[in-house]
Amino acid sequence: MRPLGIVRRIIPCLDVDADVVVKGVNFEGLRVMGDPVELASRYEEEGADEVFLLDITATIEGRKTFLKTVKNVAGAINIPLGVGGGIRSLEDADAAFKQGPTRLV
């Protein structure tokens, strides 16, 4: 029996580069895994409590996060969506929230 107050949640993080989900070790040797919308939808179907998108190259490339991808994923799922990468200002955060995520980091 779990102690009171402890809740386990499944929150997959999709590392995104150039609008595709990638997998690597320490962000090296990246392999394309698929479309963010399809993978987020699949995680939702399989019982994830939330999905998190991380634009792994936005910060190092000095660009804003991939808003179109965020909007597409937010429109395809009915669970909370978190977004990170490339958000440096209140304006960036506002633009990202307008696409549909429920939290930013």
N, C-alpha and C. Protein backbone atom coordinates (compact mmCIF):
# COMPACT_ATOMS: atom_id res chain seq x y z
N MET A 1 0.83 -1.18 0.00
CA MET A 1 0.00 0.00 0.00
C MET A 1 0.88 1.25 0.00
N ARG A 2 0.55 2.23 -0.89
CA ARG A 2 1.32 3.47 -0.98
C ARG A 2 0.98 4.41 0.16
N PRO A 3 1.99 5.11 0.68
CA PRO A 3 1.69 6.12 1.70
C PRO A 3 0.80 7.21 1.13
N LEU A 4 -0.01 7.81 2.00
CA LEU A 4 -0.88 8.89 1.56
C LEU A 4 -0.08 10.02 0.94
N GLY A 5 -0.64 10.61 -0.11
CA GLY A 5 0.01 11.76 -0.74
C GLY A 5 0.97 11.40 -1.87
N ILE A 6 1.32 10.14 -2.02
CA ILE A 6 2.22 9.76 -3.09
C ILE A 6 1.39 9.25 -4.27
N VAL A 7 1.54 9.94 -5.38
CA VAL A 7 0.81 9.58 -6.58
C VAL A 7 1.83 9.33 -7.69
N ARG A 8 1.70 8.24 -8.35
CA ARG A 8 2.60 7.94 -9.46
C ARG A 8 1.92 8.39 -10.75
N ARG A 9 2.70 9.08 -11.56
CA ARG A 9 2.19 9.56 -12.84
C ARG A 9 3.16 9.17 -13.93
N ILE A 10 2.64 8.91 -15.11
CA ILE A 10 3.46 8.62 -16.28
C ILE A 10 3.50 9.88 -17.13
N ILE A 11 4.72 10.45 -17.30
CA ILE A 11 4.88 11.67 -18.08
C ILE A 11 6.05 11.46 -19.06
N PRO A 12 5.75 10.95 -20.25
CA PRO A 12 6.82 10.78 -21.23
C PRO A 12 7.31 12.13 -21.75
N CYS A 13 8.61 12.21 -21.99
CA CYS A 13 9.21 13.41 -22.56
C CYS A 13 9.66 13.08 -23.98
N LEU A 14 9.14 13.86 -24.93
CA LEU A 14 9.52 13.67 -26.32
C LEU A 14 10.57 14.72 -26.68
N ASP A 15 11.80 14.28 -26.92
CA ASP A 15 12.86 15.18 -27.37
C ASP A 15 12.65 15.46 -28.84
N VAL A 16 12.52 16.73 -29.19
CA VAL A 16 12.21 17.11 -30.56
C VAL A 16 13.35 17.93 -31.14
N ASP A 17 13.72 17.61 -32.37
CA ASP A 17 14.74 18.34 -33.12
C ASP A 17 14.24 18.42 -34.56
N ALA A 18 14.18 19.61 -35.11
CA ALA A 18 13.70 19.81 -36.48
C ALA A 18 12.30 19.22 -36.68
N ASP A 19 11.45 19.40 -35.66
CA ASP A 19 10.05 18.97 -35.71
C ASP A 19 9.84 17.46 -35.80
N VAL A 20 10.82 16.67 -35.42
CA VAL A 20 10.65 15.22 -35.30
C VAL A 20 11.18 14.78 -33.94
N VAL A 21 10.60 13.70 -33.41
CA VAL A 21 11.07 13.15 -32.15
C VAL A 21 12.35 12.38 -32.42
N VAL A 22 13.34 12.62 -31.55
CA VAL A 22 14.63 11.94 -31.70
C VAL A 22 14.99 11.24 -30.40
N LYS A 23 15.89 10.30 -30.49
CA LYS A 23 16.39 9.56 -29.34
C LYS A 23 17.89 9.46 -29.47
N GLY A 24 18.58 9.69 -28.37
CA GLY A 24 20.03 9.58 -28.34
C GLY A 24 20.50 9.40 -26.92
N VAL A 25 21.79 9.46 -26.74
CA VAL A 25 22.38 9.41 -25.41
C VAL A 25 23.09 10.72 -25.19
N ASN A 26 22.67 11.44 -24.15
CA ASN A 26 23.22 12.77 -23.87
C ASN A 26 23.13 13.69 -25.09
N PHE A 27 22.02 13.56 -25.81
CA PHE A 27 21.72 14.38 -27.00
C PHE A 27 22.75 14.17 -28.11
N GLU A 28 23.41 13.04 -28.13
CA GLU A 28 24.36 12.71 -29.21
C GLU A 28 23.91 11.42 -29.88
N GLY A 29 24.32 11.26 -31.13
CA GLY A 29 23.93 10.07 -31.88
C GLY A 29 22.43 9.98 -32.07
N LEU A 30 21.81 11.11 -32.36
CA LEU A 30 20.36 11.17 -32.46
C LEU A 30 19.82 10.35 -33.62
N ARG A 31 18.75 9.61 -33.34
CA ARG A 31 18.03 8.85 -34.36
C ARG A 31 16.60 9.36 -34.41
N VAL A 32 16.04 9.47 -35.59
CA VAL A 32 14.65 9.91 -35.74
C VAL A 32 13.74 8.78 -35.29
N MET A 33 12.79 9.13 -34.39
CA MET A 33 11.86 8.14 -33.86
C MET A 33 10.45 8.30 -34.42
N GLY A 34 10.12 9.51 -34.91
CA GLY A 34 8.80 9.68 -35.49
C GLY A 34 8.21 11.06 -35.33
N ASP A 35 6.95 11.15 -35.66
CA ASP A 35 6.20 12.40 -35.63
C ASP A 35 5.72 12.70 -34.21
N PRO A 36 5.91 13.93 -33.71
CA PRO A 36 5.49 14.26 -32.35
C PRO A 36 3.99 14.08 -32.11
N VAL A 37 3.16 14.43 -33.09
CA VAL A 37 1.71 14.29 -32.92
C VAL A 37 1.34 12.81 -32.79
N GLU A 38 1.87 11.98 -33.66
CA GLU A 38 1.57 10.55 -33.61
C GLU A 38 2.05 9.92 -32.30
N LEU A 39 3.26 10.26 -31.89
CA LEU A 39 3.80 9.65 -30.67
C LEU A 39 3.08 10.15 -29.43
N ALA A 40 2.75 11.45 -29.36
CA ALA A 40 2.00 11.97 -28.21
C ALA A 40 0.63 11.32 -28.12
N SER A 41 -0.02 11.16 -29.26
CA SER A 41 -1.34 10.51 -29.30
C SER A 41 -1.23 9.06 -28.83
N ARG A 42 -0.19 8.40 -29.25
CA ARG A 42 0.00 7.00 -28.84
C ARG A 42 0.24 6.89 -27.34
N TYR A 43 1.06 7.79 -26.79
CA TYR A 43 1.28 7.78 -25.34
C TYR A 43 -0.02 8.02 -24.59
N GLU A 44 -0.85 8.94 -25.10
CA GLU A 44 -2.14 9.18 -24.45
C GLU A 44 -2.99 7.91 -24.47
N GLU A 45 -3.06 7.25 -25.63
CA GLU A 45 -3.83 6.01 -25.76
C GLU A 45 -3.34 4.93 -24.81
N GLU A 46 -2.03 4.94 -24.55
CA GLU A 46 -1.44 3.91 -23.69
C GLU A 46 -1.48 4.27 -22.22
N GLY A 47 -2.11 5.42 -21.88
CA GLY A 47 -2.34 5.74 -20.47
C GLY A 47 -1.45 6.79 -19.85
N ALA A 48 -0.67 7.50 -20.63
CA ALA A 48 0.17 8.56 -20.04
C ALA A 48 -0.72 9.61 -19.39
N ASP A 49 -0.24 10.18 -18.31
CA ASP A 49 -0.98 11.21 -17.59
C ASP A 49 -0.74 12.60 -18.17
N GLU A 50 0.37 12.76 -18.83
CA GLU A 50 0.79 14.05 -19.40
C GLU A 50 1.86 13.73 -20.42
N VAL A 51 2.09 14.63 -21.36
CA VAL A 51 3.19 14.51 -22.32
C VAL A 51 3.99 15.80 -22.25
N PHE A 52 5.30 15.66 -22.36
CA PHE A 52 6.17 16.82 -22.34
C PHE A 52 6.98 16.86 -23.63
N LEU A 53 6.99 18.02 -24.31
CA LEU A 53 7.80 18.23 -25.51
C LEU A 53 9.01 19.07 -25.14
N LEU A 54 10.18 18.61 -25.49
CA LEU A 54 11.40 19.37 -25.24
C LEU A 54 12.11 19.63 -26.56
N ASP A 55 12.15 20.90 -26.96
CA ASP A 55 12.88 21.29 -28.17
C ASP A 55 14.36 21.33 -27.78
N ILE A 56 15.08 20.27 -28.11
CA ILE A 56 16.43 20.10 -27.59
C ILE A 56 17.48 21.01 -28.25
N THR A 57 17.12 21.67 -29.35
CA THR A 57 18.11 22.51 -30.02
C THR A 57 17.76 23.99 -30.02
N ALA A 58 16.58 24.36 -29.55
CA ALA A 58 16.15 25.77 -29.60
C ALA A 58 17.11 26.68 -28.84
N THR A 59 17.48 26.30 -27.64
CA THR A 59 18.33 27.16 -26.82
C THR A 59 19.73 27.28 -27.41
N ILE A 60 20.34 26.17 -27.81
CA ILE A 60 21.70 26.26 -28.33
C ILE A 60 21.75 26.92 -29.70
N GLU A 61 20.64 26.86 -30.44
CA GLU A 61 20.58 27.53 -31.74
C GLU A 61 20.09 28.97 -31.62
N GLY A 62 19.74 29.39 -30.40
CA GLY A 62 19.30 30.76 -30.17
C GLY A 62 17.98 31.10 -30.83
N ARG A 63 17.08 30.12 -30.94
CA ARG A 63 15.79 30.39 -31.58
C ARG A 63 14.66 30.06 -30.61
N LYS A 64 13.47 30.50 -30.99
CA LYS A 64 12.29 30.23 -30.17
C LYS A 64 11.84 28.79 -30.38
N THR A 65 10.98 28.34 -29.47
CA THR A 65 10.50 26.97 -29.56
C THR A 65 9.60 26.78 -30.79
N PHE A 66 9.38 25.58 -31.18
CA PHE A 66 8.65 25.16 -32.36
C PHE A 66 7.14 25.27 -32.13
N LEU A 67 6.57 26.46 -32.28
CA LEU A 67 5.18 26.72 -31.93
C LEU A 67 4.18 25.92 -32.75
N LYS A 68 4.48 25.71 -34.03
CA LYS A 68 3.55 24.94 -34.87
C LYS A 68 3.43 23.51 -34.36
N THR A 69 4.54 22.92 -33.98
CA THR A 69 4.53 21.56 -33.45
C THR A 69 3.76 21.51 -32.14
N VAL A 70 3.98 22.50 -31.27
CA VAL A 70 3.26 22.57 -30.00
C VAL A 70 1.76 22.63 -30.25
N LYS A 71 1.34 23.49 -31.17
CA LYS A 71 -0.08 23.63 -31.50
C LYS A 71 -0.66 22.33 -32.04
N ASN A 72 0.07 21.68 -32.93
CA ASN A 72 -0.41 20.42 -33.51
C ASN A 72 -0.56 19.32 -32.46
N VAL A 73 0.41 19.21 -31.56
CA VAL A 73 0.32 18.19 -30.51
C VAL A 73 -0.80 18.53 -29.54
N ALA A 74 -0.90 19.79 -29.13
CA ALA A 74 -1.96 20.20 -28.20
C ALA A 74 -3.35 19.92 -28.77
N GLY A 75 -3.50 20.09 -30.07
CA GLY A 75 -4.79 19.84 -30.70
C GLY A 75 -5.13 18.37 -30.85
N ALA A 76 -4.13 17.51 -30.71
CA ALA A 76 -4.34 16.08 -30.94
C ALA A 76 -4.55 15.27 -29.67
N ILE A 77 -4.21 15.85 -28.52
CA ILE A 77 -4.32 15.09 -27.26
C ILE A 77 -5.24 15.81 -26.28
N ASN A 78 -5.73 15.05 -25.31
CA ASN A 78 -6.64 15.59 -24.29
C ASN A 78 -6.07 15.47 -22.89
N ILE A 79 -4.77 15.29 -22.80
CA ILE A 79 -4.09 15.24 -21.50
C ILE A 79 -3.19 16.47 -21.41
N PRO A 80 -2.73 16.83 -20.21
CA PRO A 80 -1.85 17.99 -20.09
C PRO A 80 -0.60 17.87 -20.96
N LEU A 81 -0.15 19.01 -21.45
CA LEU A 81 1.03 19.09 -22.31
C LEU A 81 2.00 20.10 -21.73
N GLY A 82 3.23 19.70 -21.51
CA GLY A 82 4.28 20.60 -21.08
C GLY A 82 5.24 20.85 -22.22
N VAL A 83 5.86 22.02 -22.22
CA VAL A 83 6.77 22.41 -23.29
C VAL A 83 8.02 23.05 -22.70
N GLY A 84 9.17 22.74 -23.26
CA GLY A 84 10.42 23.36 -22.83
C GLY A 84 11.36 23.54 -23.99
N GLY A 85 12.28 24.48 -23.82
CA GLY A 85 13.29 24.77 -24.83
C GLY A 85 12.94 26.01 -25.62
N GLY A 86 13.84 26.97 -25.64
CA GLY A 86 13.67 28.17 -26.45
C GLY A 86 12.74 29.21 -25.86
N ILE A 87 12.38 29.08 -24.61
CA ILE A 87 11.49 30.05 -23.97
C ILE A 87 12.35 30.91 -23.04
N ARG A 88 12.61 32.15 -23.48
CA ARG A 88 13.52 33.03 -22.75
C ARG A 88 12.86 34.27 -22.17
N SER A 89 11.63 34.54 -22.53
CA SER A 89 11.00 35.79 -22.10
C SER A 89 9.51 35.56 -21.85
N LEU A 90 8.88 36.56 -21.25
CA LEU A 90 7.43 36.47 -21.06
C LEU A 90 6.70 36.41 -22.39
N GLU A 91 7.23 37.11 -23.38
CA GLU A 91 6.61 37.08 -24.71
C GLU A 91 6.70 35.68 -25.31
N ASP A 92 7.85 35.02 -25.15
CA ASP A 92 8.00 33.64 -25.63
C ASP A 92 7.01 32.72 -24.92
N ALA A 93 6.88 32.89 -23.60
CA ALA A 93 5.97 32.06 -22.82
C ALA A 93 4.53 32.30 -23.25
N ASP A 94 4.16 33.56 -23.45
CA ASP A 94 2.81 33.89 -23.88
C ASP A 94 2.51 33.25 -25.24
N ALA A 95 3.44 33.37 -26.17
CA ALA A 95 3.25 32.79 -27.50
C ALA A 95 3.11 31.27 -27.40
N ALA A 96 3.90 30.64 -26.54
CA ALA A 96 3.82 29.19 -26.38
C ALA A 96 2.49 28.78 -25.75
N PHE A 97 2.07 29.48 -24.68
CA PHE A 97 0.80 29.13 -24.02
C PHE A 97 -0.38 29.27 -24.97
N LYS A 98 -0.31 30.21 -25.88
CA LYS A 98 -1.41 30.39 -26.83
C LYS A 98 -1.56 29.21 -27.79
N GLN A 99 -0.57 28.35 -27.84
CA GLN A 99 -0.63 27.15 -28.69
C GLN A 99 -1.30 25.98 -27.99
N GLY A 100 -1.50 26.07 -26.67
CA GLY A 100 -2.24 25.03 -25.99
C GLY A 100 -1.58 24.25 -24.87
N PRO A 101 -0.29 24.42 -24.58
CA PRO A 101 0.26 23.62 -23.48
C PRO A 101 -0.26 24.10 -22.12
N THR A 102 -0.16 23.23 -21.12
CA THR A 102 -0.63 23.58 -19.80
C THR A 102 0.49 24.03 -18.87
N ARG A 103 1.73 23.78 -19.27
CA ARG A 103 2.86 24.28 -18.48
C ARG A 103 4.12 24.40 -19.34
N LEU A 104 5.01 25.27 -18.89
CA LEU A 104 6.27 25.53 -19.58
C LEU A 104 7.41 25.42 -18.60
N VAL A 105 8.59 25.05 -19.11
CA VAL A 105 9.82 25.11 -18.32
C VAL A 105 10.93 25.66 -19.15
